Every structure is written in C-alpha cells, then in structure tokens.
Amino acid sequence: MNLQDFEVQYREAMAETLNELQTAVLLLAQVQQKILTIGSSVQTLSERVEEFIADQKAK
C-alpha cells in the first residue's frame, strides 16, 4: 500500500466514523427528549394519584 492509498482509506474511515458519531449524538438527543417527556408524564400522573388519594381520604 502506498501513501495515497493509505490516505484515501484513512479519510474514508474517518468520514464514516464521524458520520456514526453524529448519528449517535442525534439519537442521544432524541433519547434525552423522550426521557424528559416520560418524566413529565410520570410526574403528572403521580400528582393526580396523590390528589385522588387525598380526596378519597377527605370523604
């Protein structure tokens, strides 16, 4: 393998790796958003259950 072949292979591998990294970062952002959404839903559900329990105890 000569220097030019090595350079081409290096650049292709680097480009592929950077693309994979970018994909992983985008997926991570989606996961973080989904975690926030689920957390908010759990918090809302918990508040509603607590309110219901308090209402039932007051009766």
C-alpha atoms as a PDB file:
ATOM      1  CA  MET A   1       0.000   0.000   0.000  1.00  0.00           C
ATOM      2  CA  ASN A   2       1.370   3.366  -0.950  1.00  0.00           C
ATOM      3  CA  LEU A   3       0.869   6.667   0.825  1.00  0.00           C
ATOM      4  CA  GLN A   4      -2.014   7.756  -1.428  1.00  0.00           C
ATOM      5  CA  ASP A   5      -3.933   4.523  -0.837  1.00  0.00           C
ATOM      6  CA  PHE A   6      -3.351   4.848   2.890  1.00  0.00           C
ATOM      7  CA  GLU A   7      -4.559   8.450   2.848  1.00  0.00           C
ATOM      8  CA  VAL A   8      -7.732   7.532   0.943  1.00  0.00           C
ATOM      9  CA  GLN A   9      -8.527   4.676   3.320  1.00  0.00           C
ATOM     10  CA  TYR A  10      -7.820   6.883   6.337  1.00  0.00           C
ATOM     11  CA  ARG A  11     -10.087   9.668   5.085  1.00  0.00           C
ATOM     12  CA  GLU A  12     -12.906   7.258   4.241  1.00  0.00           C
ATOM     13  CA  ALA A  13     -12.672   5.570   7.627  1.00  0.00           C
ATOM     14  CA  MET A  14     -12.568   8.921   9.393  1.00  0.00           C
ATOM     15  CA  ALA A  15     -15.596  10.206   7.469  1.00  0.00           C
ATOM     16  CA  GLU A  16     -17.558   7.042   8.266  1.00  0.00           C
ATOM     17  CA  THR A  17     -16.623   7.228  11.939  1.00  0.00           C
ATOM     18  CA  LEU A  18     -17.612  10.888  12.168  1.00  0.00           C
ATOM     19  CA  ASN A  19     -20.936  10.127  10.489  1.00  0.00           C
ATOM     20  CA  GLU A  20     -21.568   7.359  13.007  1.00  0.00           C
ATOM     21  CA  LEU A  21     -20.686   9.718  15.848  1.00  0.00           C
ATOM     22  CA  GLN A  22     -23.076  12.352  14.508  1.00  0.00           C
ATOM     23  CA  THR A  23     -25.827   9.737  14.276  1.00  0.00           C
ATOM     24  CA  ALA A  24     -25.164   8.674  17.868  1.00  0.00           C
ATOM     25  CA  VAL A  25     -25.319  12.285  19.069  1.00  0.00           C
ATOM     26  CA  LEU A  26     -28.645  12.823  17.281  1.00  0.00           C
ATOM     27  CA  LEU A  27     -30.051   9.620  18.761  1.00  0.00           C
ATOM     28  CA  LEU A  28     -28.872  10.688  22.203  1.00  0.00           C
ATOM     29  CA  ALA A  29     -30.717  13.989  21.829  1.00  0.00           C
ATOM     30  CA  GLN A  30     -33.884  12.082  20.910  1.00  0.00           C
ATOM     31  CA  VAL A  31     -33.473   9.788  23.912  1.00  0.00           C
ATOM     32  CA  GLN A  32     -32.949  12.754  26.227  1.00  0.00           C
ATOM     33  CA  GLN A  33     -36.125  14.389  24.928  1.00  0.00           C
ATOM     34  CA  LYS A  34     -38.063  11.149  25.349  1.00  0.00           C
ATOM     35  CA  ILE A  35     -36.780  10.821  28.934  1.00  0.00           C
ATOM     36  CA  LEU A  36     -37.950  14.362  29.683  1.00  0.00           C
ATOM     37  CA  THR A  37     -41.364  13.634  28.191  1.00  0.00           C
ATOM     38  CA  ILE A  38     -41.761  10.399  30.145  1.00  0.00           C
ATOM     39  CA  GLY A  39     -40.565  12.096  33.342  1.00  0.00           C
ATOM     40  CA  SER A  40     -43.141  14.825  32.911  1.00  0.00           C
ATOM     41  CA  SER A  41     -45.882  12.255  32.323  1.00  0.00           C
ATOM     42  CA  VAL A  42     -44.884  10.299  35.433  1.00  0.00           C
ATOM     43  CA  GLN A  43     -44.852  13.484  37.500  1.00  0.00           C
ATOM     44  CA  THR A  44     -48.314  14.490  36.252  1.00  0.00           C
ATOM     45  CA  LEU A  45     -49.680  11.003  36.901  1.00  0.00           C
ATOM     46  CA  SER A  46     -48.184  10.971  40.387  1.00  0.00           C
ATOM     47  CA  GLU A  47     -49.742  14.351  41.205  1.00  0.00           C
ATOM     48  CA  ARG A  48     -53.149  13.179  40.006  1.00  0.00           C
ATOM     49  CA  VAL A  49     -52.955   9.985  42.049  1.00  0.00           C
ATOM     50  CA  GLU A  50     -51.907  11.949  45.133  1.00  0.00           C
ATOM     51  CA  GLU A  51     -54.838  14.339  44.619  1.00  0.00           C
ATOM     52  CA  PHE A  52     -57.231  11.420  44.199  1.00  0.00           C
ATOM     53  CA  ILE A  53     -55.963   9.747  47.358  1.00  0.00           C
ATOM     54  CA  ALA A  54     -56.244  12.987  49.299  1.00  0.00           C
ATOM     55  CA  ASP A  55     -59.812  13.486  48.004  1.00  0.00           C
ATOM     56  CA  GLN A  56     -60.770   9.926  48.963  1.00  0.00           C
ATOM     57  CA  LYS A  57     -59.352  10.360  52.461  1.00  0.00           C
ATOM     58  CA  ALA A  58     -61.287  13.637  52.879  1.00  0.00           C
ATOM     59  CA  LYS A  59     -64.603  11.943  52.135  1.00  0.00           C
END
